[in-house]
């Protein structure tokens, strides 16, 4: 007669038989057993692990590792350079060679630097070269030229911003008007353009030194006669003045006369008030003047006859 207890025991035995037939990797996790009762699966699982798996007919043999005491230690590689093919000759010293005499050193120095400081004309009588050989490096790493000691002074008349319109846009530059003179009857006026103000001033000063003109003056440092000059729409009238009068003029005309060394003169600007045109008109008016000696030679009379 089947009782409830017998049915439960039969079901447990059937489930146990089914679990044993399933491979170990597909088997569900086993329920924990109490520590007091022995685990009935230990004997069957040990038999399954010892037998080869049906999915892996040829299992790989376990790899055995040798103990650390039997492994061979690695040897340290040492760099052994090959011997040199031959003896290497050392480069010659900087001061090797024939020694220069004091005369040769002085001649080389004079060839490089004397012309730069003497202000000697190399192209014509009205051109004064700048120092292009002696250079100095500024704090910003740029190479700049030293000022030439030629006796000329520079004065900036005007600095303006100018714009050049090109296909790609607008290009901003600076235009500087500079008057150069030695205050002994020689003066030059020029204009220069550059992207920096300093470069524009230096360029215009260099161009002015290359275009020096001489102004005729009397012993009272005034003009020998009246003169008039035009440039564009600007007209400048210059005239002599008595000693002690001073330079009565304004704007660019006054700067040009002061840099030339004129101390007594009268000047008048007519028409345009542009500084560059007035400065150039002043130069044109001065170039029309003549000394008394030149007039007497042209007319063929002595200089005393000019005042009668």
C-alpha atoms as a PDB file:
ATOM      1  CA  UNK A   1       0.000   0.000   0.000  1.00  0.00           C
ATOM      2  CA  UNK A   2       1.438   3.331  -1.117  1.00  0.00           C
ATOM      3  CA  UNK A   3       1.551   5.948   1.480  1.00  0.00           C
ATOM      4  CA  UNK A   4       2.438   9.635   1.229  1.00  0.00           C
ATOM      5  CA  UNK A   5       5.863   8.982   2.624  1.00  0.00           C
ATOM      6  CA  UNK A   6       6.597   6.324   0.008  1.00  0.00           C
ATOM      7  CA  UNK A   7       5.472   8.640  -2.808  1.00  0.00           C
ATOM      8  CA  UNK A   8       7.780  11.415  -1.621  1.00  0.00           C
ATOM      9  CA  UNK A   9      10.714   8.999  -1.338  1.00  0.00           C
ATOM     10  CA  UNK A  10      10.086   7.694  -4.879  1.00  0.00           C
ATOM     11  CA  UNK A  11       9.932  11.219  -6.314  1.00  0.00           C
ATOM     12  CA  UNK A  12      13.193  12.208  -4.652  1.00  0.00           C
ATOM     13  CA  UNK A  13      14.952   9.138  -6.045  1.00  0.00           C
ATOM     14  CA  UNK A  14      13.662   9.889  -9.566  1.00  0.00           C
ATOM     15  CA  UNK A  15      14.862  13.504  -9.386  1.00  0.00           C
ATOM     16  CA  UNK A  16      18.238  12.357  -8.138  1.00  0.00           C
ATOM     17  CA  UNK A  17      18.592   9.955 -11.042  1.00  0.00           C
ATOM     18  CA  UNK A  18      17.662  12.692 -13.528  1.00  0.00           C
ATOM     19  CA  UNK A  19      20.253  15.121 -12.084  1.00  0.00           C
ATOM     20  CA  UNK A  20      22.985  12.549 -12.376  1.00  0.00           C
ATOM     21  CA  UNK A  21      22.260  12.029 -16.082  1.00  0.00           C
ATOM     22  CA  UNK A  22      22.585  15.821 -16.927  1.00  0.00           C
ATOM     23  CA  UNK A  23      26.179  17.090 -17.668  1.00  0.00           C
ATOM     24  CA  UNK A  24      27.803  19.053 -14.916  1.00  0.00           C
ATOM     25  CA  UNK A  25      27.915  22.410 -16.748  1.00  0.00           C
ATOM     26  CA  UNK A  26      24.129  22.291 -17.507  1.00  0.00           C
ATOM     27  CA  UNK A  27      23.141  21.080 -14.055  1.00  0.00           C
ATOM     28  CA  UNK A  28      21.274  23.553 -11.860  1.00  0.00           C
ATOM     29  CA  UNK A  29      22.921  24.667  -8.673  1.00  0.00           C
ATOM     30  CA  UNK A  30      22.585  22.109  -5.892  1.00  0.00           C
ATOM     31  CA  UNK A  31      20.761  22.894  -2.723  1.00  0.00           C
ATOM     32  CA  UNK A  32      22.851  23.158   0.402  1.00  0.00           C
ATOM     33  CA  UNK A  33      22.739  20.194   2.743  1.00  0.00           C
ATOM     34  CA  UNK A  34      23.047  20.390   6.461  1.00  0.00           C
ATOM     35  CA  UNK A  35      26.489  19.843   7.837  1.00  0.00           C
ATOM     36  CA  UNK A  36      25.372  16.862   9.877  1.00  0.00           C
ATOM     37  CA  UNK A  37      24.058  14.855   6.894  1.00  0.00           C
ATOM     38  CA  UNK A  38      26.450  13.609   4.202  1.00  0.00           C
ATOM     39  CA  UNK A  39      26.094  14.955   0.644  1.00  0.00           C
ATOM     40  CA  UNK A  40      24.787  12.123  -1.603  1.00  0.00           C
ATOM     41  CA  UNK A  41      26.141  13.848  -4.759  1.00  0.00           C
ATOM     42  CA  UNK A  42      29.805  13.765  -3.796  1.00  0.00           C
ATOM     43  CA  UNK A  43      30.430  10.215  -4.964  1.00  0.00           C
ATOM     44  CA  UNK A  44      28.489  10.587  -8.219  1.00  0.00           C
ATOM     45  CA  UNK A  45      30.015  14.004  -9.116  1.00  0.00           C
ATOM     46  CA  UNK A  46      33.538  12.717  -8.528  1.00  0.00           C
ATOM     47  CA  UNK A  47      32.855   9.894 -10.957  1.00  0.00           C
ATOM     48  CA  UNK A  48      31.512  12.309 -13.569  1.00  0.00           C
ATOM     49  CA  UNK A  49      34.552  14.656 -13.287  1.00  0.00           C
ATOM     50  CA  UNK A  50      36.965  11.744 -13.661  1.00  0.00           C
ATOM     51  CA  UNK A  51      35.193  10.486 -16.814  1.00  0.00           C
ATOM     52  CA  UNK A  52      35.767  12.303 -20.145  1.00  0.00           C
ATOM     53  CA  UNK A  53      33.068  14.817 -21.112  1.00  0.00           C
ATOM     54  CA  UNK A  54      30.870  13.836 -24.101  1.00  0.00           C
ATOM     55  CA  UNK A  55      31.184  17.316 -25.658  1.00  0.00           C
ATOM     56  CA  UNK A  56      35.021  17.196 -25.453  1.00  0.00           C
ATOM     57  CA  UNK A  57      36.147  13.708 -26.559  1.00  0.00           C
ATOM     58  CA  UNK A  58      39.861  14.625 -26.512  1.00  0.00           C
ATOM     59  CA  UNK A  59      40.483  16.897 -23.536  1.00  0.00           C
ATOM     60  CA  UNK A  60      43.769  18.783 -23.375  1.00  0.00           C
ATOM     61  CA  UNK A  61      46.193  17.494 -20.783  1.00  0.00           C
ATOM     62  CA  UNK A  62      46.727  19.898 -17.910  1.00  0.00           C
ATOM     63  CA  UNK A  63      49.779  22.066 -18.260  1.00  0.00           C
ATOM     64  CA  UNK A  64      52.226  21.620 -15.481  1.00  0.00           C
ATOM     65  CA  UNK A  65      54.362  24.541 -14.380  1.00  0.00           C
ATOM     66  CA  UNK A  66      57.855  24.014 -13.088  1.00  0.00           C
ATOM     67  CA  UNK A  67      58.646  25.301  -9.649  1.00  0.00           C
ATOM     68  CA  UNK A  68      60.347  28.668  -9.416  1.00  0.00           C
ATOM     69  CA  UNK A  69      63.526  27.045  -8.127  1.00  0.00           C
ATOM     70  CA  UNK A  70      64.072  25.158 -11.410  1.00  0.00           C
ATOM     71  CA  UNK A  71      63.486  28.172 -13.810  1.00  0.00           C
ATOM     72  CA  UNK A  72      66.593  29.620 -15.476  1.00  0.00           C
ATOM     73  CA  UNK A  73      67.198  33.328 -14.637  1.00  0.00           C
ATOM     74  CA  UNK A  74      67.526  35.801 -17.521  1.00  0.00           C
ATOM     75  CA  UNK A  75      70.940  37.143 -18.310  1.00  0.00           C
ATOM     76  CA  UNK A  76      71.473  40.906 -18.483  1.00  0.00           C
ATOM     77  CA  UNK A  77      72.601  42.055 -21.886  1.00  0.00           C
ATOM     78  CA  UNK A  78      75.592  44.319 -21.915  1.00  0.00           C
ATOM     79  CA  UNK A  79      76.301  46.837 -24.683  1.00  0.00           C
ATOM     80  CA  UNK A  80      79.653  46.078 -26.297  1.00  0.00           C
ATOM     81  CA  UNK A  81      80.438  48.720 -28.957  1.00  0.00           C
ATOM     82  CA  UNK A  82      82.582  47.685 -31.832  1.00  0.00           C
ATOM     83  CA  UNK A  83      86.060  49.062 -32.135  1.00  0.00           C
ATOM     84  CA  UNK A  84      86.514  52.288 -34.162  1.00  0.00           C
ATOM     85  CA  UNK A  85      87.574  51.779 -37.774  1.00  0.00           C
ATOM     86  CA  UNK A  86      90.365  54.285 -37.484  1.00  0.00           C
ATOM     87  CA  UNK A  87      91.599  57.310 -35.616  1.00  0.00           C
ATOM     88  CA  UNK A  88      89.301  60.347 -35.866  1.00  0.00           C
ATOM     89  CA  UNK A  89      91.087  63.611 -36.589  1.00  0.00           C
ATOM     90  CA  UNK A  90      90.024  66.462 -34.311  1.00  0.00           C
ATOM     91  CA  UNK A  91      88.752  69.639 -36.050  1.00  0.00           C
ATOM     92  CA  UNK A  92      91.202  72.519 -36.349  1.00  0.00           C
ATOM     93  CA  UNK A  93      91.138  75.207 -33.727  1.00  0.00           C
ATOM     94  CA  UNK A  94      89.526  78.584 -34.420  1.00  0.00           C
ATOM     95  CA  UNK A  95      92.751  80.542 -34.221  1.00  0.00           C
ATOM     96  CA  UNK A  96      94.773  78.225 -36.461  1.00  0.00           C
ATOM     97  CA  UNK A  97      96.422  79.893 -39.395  1.00  0.00           C
ATOM     98  CA  UNK A  98      98.791  82.781 -40.005  1.00  0.00           C
ATOM     99  CA  UNK A  99      98.576  85.614 -37.520  1.00  0.00           C
ATOM    100  CA  UNK A 100      97.356  88.987 -38.814  1.00  0.00           C
ATOM    101  CA  UNK A 101      99.483  92.030 -38.320  1.00  0.00           C
ATOM    102  CA  UNK A 102      98.247  95.232 -36.720  1.00  0.00           C
ATOM    103  CA  UNK A 103      98.330  96.952 -40.100  1.00  0.00           C
ATOM    104  CA  UNK A 104      96.030  94.332 -41.663  1.00  0.00           C
ATOM    105  CA  UNK A 105      93.580  94.539 -38.757  1.00  0.00           C
ATOM    106  CA  UNK A 106      93.479  98.346 -38.947  1.00  0.00           C
ATOM    107  CA  UNK A 107      92.944  98.254 -42.720  1.00  0.00           C
ATOM    108  CA  UNK A 108      90.042  95.790 -42.400  1.00  0.00           C
ATOM    109  CA  UNK A 109      88.421  97.890 -39.649  1.00  0.00           C
ATOM    110  CA  UNK A 110      88.771 101.058 -41.715  1.00  0.00           C
ATOM    111  CA  UNK A 111      87.226  99.386 -44.747  1.00  0.00           C
ATOM    112  CA  UNK A 112      84.146  98.355 -42.762  1.00  0.00           C
ATOM    113  CA  UNK A 113      83.439 101.229 -40.404  1.00  0.00           C
ATOM    114  CA  UNK A 114      85.123 104.475 -41.464  1.00  0.00           C
ATOM    115  CA  UNK A 115      82.739 105.327 -44.319  1.00  0.00           C
ATOM    116  CA  UNK A 116      79.725 104.757 -42.080  1.00  0.00           C
ATOM    117  CA  UNK A 117      80.785 107.409 -39.550  1.00  0.00           C
ATOM    118  CA  UNK A 118      82.461 109.964 -41.818  1.00  0.00           C
ATOM    119  CA  UNK A 119      79.362 110.851 -43.874  1.00  0.00           C
ATOM    120  CA  UNK A 120      81.384 110.764 -47.092  1.00  0.00           C
ATOM    121  CA  UNK A 121      79.333 110.944 -50.275  1.00  0.00           C
ATOM    122  CA  UNK A 122      79.756 107.849 -52.432  1.00  0.00           C
ATOM    123  CA  UNK A 123      77.200 108.517 -55.184  1.00  0.00           C
ATOM    124  CA  UNK A 124      76.983 112.315 -55.522  1.00  0.00           C
ATOM    125  CA  UNK A 125      77.598 115.456 -53.511  1.00  0.00           C
ATOM    126  CA  UNK A 126      74.007 115.552 -52.237  1.00  0.00           C
ATOM    127  CA  UNK A 127      73.729 111.967 -51.020  1.00  0.00           C
ATOM    128  CA  UNK A 128      74.827 110.963 -47.534  1.00  0.00           C
ATOM    129  CA  UNK A 129      74.985 107.257 -46.926  1.00  0.00           C
ATOM    130  CA  UNK A 130      73.499 105.637 -43.871  1.00  0.00           C
ATOM    131  CA  UNK A 131      75.328 103.173 -41.723  1.00  0.00           C
ATOM    132  CA  UNK A 132      74.363  99.888 -43.352  1.00  0.00           C
ATOM    133  CA  UNK A 133      77.229  97.736 -42.083  1.00  0.00           C
ATOM    134  CA  UNK A 134      77.317  98.409 -38.359  1.00  0.00           C
ATOM    135  CA  UNK A 135      74.184  96.906 -36.852  1.00  0.00           C
ATOM    136  CA  UNK A 136      72.929  96.369 -33.347  1.00  0.00           C
ATOM    137  CA  UNK A 137      70.389  93.911 -32.019  1.00  0.00           C
ATOM    138  CA  UNK A 138      67.587  95.418 -29.949  1.00  0.00           C
ATOM    139  CA  UNK A 139      65.865  93.849 -26.945  1.00  0.00           C
ATOM    140  CA  UNK A 140      63.158  92.342 -29.157  1.00  0.00           C
ATOM    141  CA  UNK A 141      65.631  90.470 -31.322  1.00  0.00           C
ATOM    142  CA  UNK A 142      65.300  92.764 -34.341  1.00  0.00           C
ATOM    143  CA  UNK A 143      68.313  94.097 -36.158  1.00  0.00           C
ATOM    144  CA  UNK A 144      68.345  97.873 -36.434  1.00  0.00           C
ATOM    145  CA  UNK A 145      70.753 100.362 -37.902  1.00  0.00           C
ATOM    146  CA  UNK A 146      72.734 102.800 -35.847  1.00  0.00           C
ATOM    147  CA  UNK A 147      72.291 106.498 -36.457  1.00  0.00           C
ATOM    148  CA  UNK A 148      74.890 108.026 -38.706  1.00  0.00           C
ATOM    149  CA  UNK A 149      76.944 110.843 -37.235  1.00  0.00           C
ATOM    150  CA  UNK A 150      76.646 113.049 -40.314  1.00  0.00           C
ATOM    151  CA  UNK A 151      75.642 116.289 -38.585  1.00  0.00           C
ATOM    152  CA  UNK A 152      72.011 116.205 -39.729  1.00  0.00           C
ATOM    153  CA  UNK A 153      69.052 116.548 -37.401  1.00  0.00           C
ATOM    154  CA  UNK A 154      65.623 115.060 -37.982  1.00  0.00           C
ATOM    155  CA  UNK A 155      62.226 116.540 -37.207  1.00  0.00           C
ATOM    156  CA  UNK A 156      58.899 114.848 -37.848  1.00  0.00           C
ATOM    157  CA  UNK A 157      56.337 117.175 -39.404  1.00  0.00           C
ATOM    158  CA  UNK A 158      53.346 114.853 -39.517  1.00  0.00           C
ATOM    159  CA  UNK A 159      52.349 111.209 -39.040  1.00  0.00           C
ATOM    160  CA  UNK A 160      49.057 110.026 -40.494  1.00  0.00           C
ATOM    161  CA  UNK A 161      47.294 106.729 -41.030  1.00  0.00           C
ATOM    162  CA  UNK A 162      46.607 105.842 -44.635  1.00  0.00           C
ATOM    163  CA  UNK A 163      44.584 102.946 -46.019  1.00  0.00           C
ATOM    164  CA  UNK A 164      45.137 101.078 -49.250  1.00  0.00           C
ATOM    165  CA  UNK A 165      42.122  99.193 -50.610  1.00  0.00           C
ATOM    166  CA  UNK A 166      43.009  95.950 -52.379  1.00  0.00           C
ATOM    167  CA  UNK A 167      41.070  92.926 -53.548  1.00  0.00           C
ATOM    168  CA  UNK A 168      41.430  91.149 -50.198  1.00  0.00           C
ATOM    169  CA  UNK A 169      40.402  94.157 -48.092  1.00  0.00           C
ATOM    170  CA  UNK A 170      42.060  97.228 -46.598  1.00  0.00           C
ATOM    171  CA  UNK A 171      45.743  97.555 -45.705  1.00  0.00           C
ATOM    172  CA  UNK A 172      46.616 100.045 -42.960  1.00  0.00           C
ATOM    173  CA  UNK A 173      49.929 101.927 -43.168  1.00  0.00           C
ATOM    174  CA  UNK A 174      51.488 105.001 -41.580  1.00  0.00           C
ATOM    175  CA  UNK A 175      52.820 107.971 -43.547  1.00  0.00           C
ATOM    176  CA  UNK A 176      55.526 110.137 -41.978  1.00  0.00           C
ATOM    177  CA  UNK A 177      56.805 113.504 -43.238  1.00  0.00           C
ATOM    178  CA  UNK A 178      60.360 114.184 -42.016  1.00  0.00           C
ATOM    179  CA  UNK A 179      62.597 117.228 -42.523  1.00  0.00           C
ATOM    180  CA  UNK A 180      66.367 116.688 -42.283  1.00  0.00           C
ATOM    181  CA  UNK A 181      68.833 119.566 -41.999  1.00  0.00           C
ATOM    182  CA  UNK A 182      72.235 120.551 -40.632  1.00  0.00           C
ATOM    183  CA  UNK A 183      71.266 124.203 -39.828  1.00  0.00           C
ATOM    184  CA  UNK A 184      74.078 125.380 -42.098  1.00  0.00           C
ATOM    185  CA  UNK A 185      72.162 125.888 -45.332  1.00  0.00           C
ATOM    186  CA  UNK A 186      71.308 122.285 -46.270  1.00  0.00           C
ATOM    187  CA  UNK A 187      67.880 120.704 -45.876  1.00  0.00           C
ATOM    188  CA  UNK A 188      65.822 117.801 -47.257  1.00  0.00           C
ATOM    189  CA  UNK A 189      62.109 116.946 -47.140  1.00  0.00           C
ATOM    190  CA  UNK A 190      60.733 113.511 -47.875  1.00  0.00           C
ATOM    191  CA  UNK A 191      57.818 111.219 -47.001  1.00  0.00           C
ATOM    192  CA  UNK A 192      57.824 107.490 -46.165  1.00  0.00           C
ATOM    193  CA  UNK A 193      55.177 104.816 -45.637  1.00  0.00           C
ATOM    194  CA  UNK A 194      55.359 101.626 -43.584  1.00  0.00           C
ATOM    195  CA  UNK A 195      53.258  99.377 -41.385  1.00  0.00           C
ATOM    196  CA  UNK A 196      54.949 100.755 -38.245  1.00  0.00           C
ATOM    197  CA  UNK A 197      55.486 104.385 -37.267  1.00  0.00           C
ATOM    198  CA  UNK A 198      59.188 103.920 -36.492  1.00  0.00           C
ATOM    199  CA  UNK A 199      59.835 102.244 -39.838  1.00  0.00           C
ATOM    200  CA  UNK A 200      58.005 105.018 -41.674  1.00  0.00           C
ATOM    201  CA  UNK A 201      60.077 107.710 -39.918  1.00  0.00           C
ATOM    202  CA  UNK A 202      63.349 105.907 -40.651  1.00  0.00           C
ATOM    203  CA  UNK A 203      62.429 105.399 -44.302  1.00  0.00           C
ATOM    204  CA  UNK A 204      61.477 109.055 -44.809  1.00  0.00           C
ATOM    205  CA  UNK A 205      64.652 110.242 -43.038  1.00  0.00           C
ATOM    206  CA  UNK A 206      66.785 108.057 -45.302  1.00  0.00           C
ATOM    207  CA  UNK A 207      65.048 109.403 -48.400  1.00  0.00           C
ATOM    208  CA  UNK A 208      65.473 112.976 -47.161  1.00  0.00           C
ATOM    209  CA  UNK A 209      69.228 112.457 -46.723  1.00  0.00           C
ATOM    210  CA  UNK A 210      69.400 111.328 -50.333  1.00  0.00           C
ATOM    211  CA  UNK A 211      67.726 114.536 -51.548  1.00  0.00           C
ATOM    212  CA  UNK A 212      69.602 117.363 -49.822  1.00  0.00           C
ATOM    213  CA  UNK A 213      69.405 120.865 -51.308  1.00  0.00           C
ATOM    214  CA  UNK A 214      71.433 123.994 -50.514  1.00  0.00           C
ATOM    215  CA  UNK A 215      69.698 127.243 -49.463  1.00  0.00           C
ATOM    216  CA  UNK A 216      71.352 130.555 -50.389  1.00  0.00           C
ATOM    217  CA  UNK A 217      71.711 132.829 -47.346  1.00  0.00           C
ATOM    218  CA  UNK A 218      73.476 136.065 -46.502  1.00  0.00           C
ATOM    219  CA  UNK A 219      75.758 136.696 -43.562  1.00  0.00           C
ATOM    220  CA  UNK A 220      72.694 137.778 -41.557  1.00  0.00           C
ATOM    221  CA  UNK A 221      71.181 134.300 -42.057  1.00  0.00           C
ATOM    222  CA  UNK A 222      68.330 135.515 -44.254  1.00  0.00           C
ATOM    223  CA  UNK A 223      67.343 135.157 -47.908  1.00  0.00           C
ATOM    224  CA  UNK A 224      69.040 137.266 -50.570  1.00  0.00           C
ATOM    225  CA  UNK A 225      65.752 138.164 -52.274  1.00  0.00           C
ATOM    226  CA  UNK A 226      62.042 137.409 -52.434  1.00  0.00           C
ATOM    227  CA  UNK A 227      60.858 134.113 -53.946  1.00  0.00           C
ATOM    228  CA  UNK A 228      57.632 132.228 -54.558  1.00  0.00           C
ATOM    229  CA  UNK A 229      57.010 128.497 -54.955  1.00  0.00           C
ATOM    230  CA  UNK A 230      53.998 126.406 -55.928  1.00  0.00           C
ATOM    231  CA  UNK A 231      53.290 122.740 -55.361  1.00  0.00           C
ATOM    232  CA  UNK A 232      49.832 121.434 -56.150  1.00  0.00           C
ATOM    233  CA  UNK A 233      47.276 123.846 -54.702  1.00  0.00           C
ATOM    234  CA  UNK A 234      49.739 125.260 -52.150  1.00  0.00           C
ATOM    235  CA  UNK A 235      51.650 128.500 -52.683  1.00  0.00           C
ATOM    236  CA  UNK A 236      54.446 129.728 -50.392  1.00  0.00           C
ATOM    237  CA  UNK A 237      55.990 133.211 -50.501  1.00  0.00           C
ATOM    238  CA  UNK A 238      59.395 133.737 -48.845  1.00  0.00           C
ATOM    239  CA  UNK A 239      61.162 137.019 -48.266  1.00  0.00           C
ATOM    240  CA  UNK A 240      64.214 138.407 -46.451  1.00  0.00           C
ATOM    241  CA  UNK A 241      63.972 140.096 -43.052  1.00  0.00           C
ATOM    242  CA  UNK A 242      66.110 142.426 -40.966  1.00  0.00           C
ATOM    243  CA  UNK A 243      68.441 141.030 -38.302  1.00  0.00           C
ATOM    244  CA  UNK A 244      66.601 140.224 -35.085  1.00  0.00           C
ATOM    245  CA  UNK A 245      63.254 139.634 -36.795  1.00  0.00           C
ATOM    246  CA  UNK A 246      63.264 135.865 -36.482  1.00  0.00           C
ATOM    247  CA  UNK A 247      61.346 133.370 -38.557  1.00  0.00           C
ATOM    248  CA  UNK A 248      57.812 134.651 -39.044  1.00  0.00           C
ATOM    249  CA  UNK A 249      56.067 131.661 -40.589  1.00  0.00           C
ATOM    250  CA  UNK A 250      53.912 128.790 -39.478  1.00  0.00           C
ATOM    251  CA  UNK A 251      53.354 125.113 -40.000  1.00  0.00           C
ATOM    252  CA  UNK A 252      55.662 123.125 -42.218  1.00  0.00           C
ATOM    253  CA  UNK A 253      57.261 126.294 -43.666  1.00  0.00           C
ATOM    254  CA  UNK A 254      58.700 127.247 -40.285  1.00  0.00           C
ATOM    255  CA  UNK A 255      60.110 123.758 -39.685  1.00  0.00           C
ATOM    256  CA  UNK A 256      61.863 123.687 -43.067  1.00  0.00           C
ATOM    257  CA  UNK A 257      63.443 127.124 -42.535  1.00  0.00           C
ATOM    258  CA  UNK A 258      64.596 126.330 -38.983  1.00  0.00           C
ATOM    259  CA  UNK A 259      66.190 123.033 -40.015  1.00  0.00           C
ATOM    260  CA  UNK A 260      68.008 124.861 -42.822  1.00  0.00           C
ATOM    261  CA  UNK A 261      69.480 127.382 -40.380  1.00  0.00           C
ATOM    262  CA  UNK A 262      67.510 130.485 -41.438  1.00  0.00           C
ATOM    263  CA  UNK A 263      67.109 132.896 -38.494  1.00  0.00           C
ATOM    264  CA  UNK A 264      65.489 135.951 -40.125  1.00  0.00           C
ATOM    265  CA  UNK A 265      62.824 135.401 -42.773  1.00  0.00           C
ATOM    266  CA  UNK A 266      59.203 136.072 -43.660  1.00  0.00           C
ATOM    267  CA  UNK A 267      56.887 133.325 -44.925  1.00  0.00           C
ATOM    268  CA  UNK A 268      53.298 133.231 -46.113  1.00  0.00           C
ATOM    269  CA  UNK A 269      51.101 130.249 -47.042  1.00  0.00           C
ATOM    270  CA  UNK A 270      48.393 130.640 -49.682  1.00  0.00           C
ATOM    271  CA  UNK A 271      45.876 128.135 -50.967  1.00  0.00           C
ATOM    272  CA  UNK A 272      46.084 124.600 -49.585  1.00  0.00           C
ATOM    273  CA  UNK A 273      46.923 124.020 -45.922  1.00  0.00           C
ATOM    274  CA  UNK A 274      48.250 120.484 -46.388  1.00  0.00           C
ATOM    275  CA  UNK A 275      51.562 120.108 -44.542  1.00  0.00           C
ATOM    276  CA  UNK A 276      53.266 118.010 -47.232  1.00  0.00           C
ATOM    277  CA  UNK A 277      52.346 120.370 -50.072  1.00  0.00           C
ATOM    278  CA  UNK A 278      53.467 123.432 -48.102  1.00  0.00           C
ATOM    279  CA  UNK A 279      56.798 121.812 -47.227  1.00  0.00           C
ATOM    280  CA  UNK A 280      57.438 120.917 -50.856  1.00  0.00           C
ATOM    281  CA  UNK A 281      56.353 124.396 -52.010  1.00  0.00           C
ATOM    282  CA  UNK A 282      58.907 125.859 -49.589  1.00  0.00           C
ATOM    283  CA  UNK A 283      61.631 123.728 -51.157  1.00  0.00           C
ATOM    284  CA  UNK A 284      60.561 124.876 -54.639  1.00  0.00           C
ATOM    285  CA  UNK A 285      60.688 128.538 -53.565  1.00  0.00           C
ATOM    286  CA  UNK A 286      64.148 128.103 -52.045  1.00  0.00           C
ATOM    287  CA  UNK A 287      65.499 126.421 -55.181  1.00  0.00           C
ATOM    288  CA  UNK A 288      64.542 129.493 -57.228  1.00  0.00           C
ATOM    289  CA  UNK A 289      66.791 131.746 -55.126  1.00  0.00           C
ATOM    290  CA  UNK A 290      70.299 132.736 -56.249  1.00  0.00           C
ATOM    291  CA  UNK A 291      73.298 134.138 -54.457  1.00  0.00           C
ATOM    292  CA  UNK A 292      74.607 137.620 -55.288  1.00  0.00           C
ATOM    293  CA  UNK A 293      77.735 136.084 -56.736  1.00  0.00           C
ATOM    294  CA  UNK A 294      75.732 133.980 -59.187  1.00  0.00           C
ATOM    295  CA  UNK A 295      73.663 136.979 -60.295  1.00  0.00           C
ATOM    296  CA  UNK A 296      76.752 139.120 -60.818  1.00  0.00           C
ATOM    297  CA  UNK A 297      78.371 136.387 -62.898  1.00  0.00           C
ATOM    298  CA  UNK A 298      75.258 135.973 -65.040  1.00  0.00           C
ATOM    299  CA  UNK A 299      74.888 139.724 -65.626  1.00  0.00           C
ATOM    300  CA  UNK A 300      78.621 140.320 -65.959  1.00  0.00           C
ATOM    301  CA  UNK A 301      78.796 143.166 -63.441  1.00  0.00           C
ATOM    302  CA  UNK A 302      80.531 143.466 -60.075  1.00  0.00           C
ATOM    303  CA  UNK A 303      78.601 142.680 -56.922  1.00  0.00           C
ATOM    304  CA  UNK A 304      78.753 146.328 -55.775  1.00  0.00           C
ATOM    305  CA  UNK A 305      76.592 147.353 -58.730  1.00  0.00           C
ATOM    306  CA  UNK A 306      73.709 145.150 -57.544  1.00  0.00           C
ATOM    307  CA  UNK A 307      72.813 147.535 -54.679  1.00  0.00           C
ATOM    308  CA  UNK A 308      72.721 150.722 -56.798  1.00  0.00           C
END
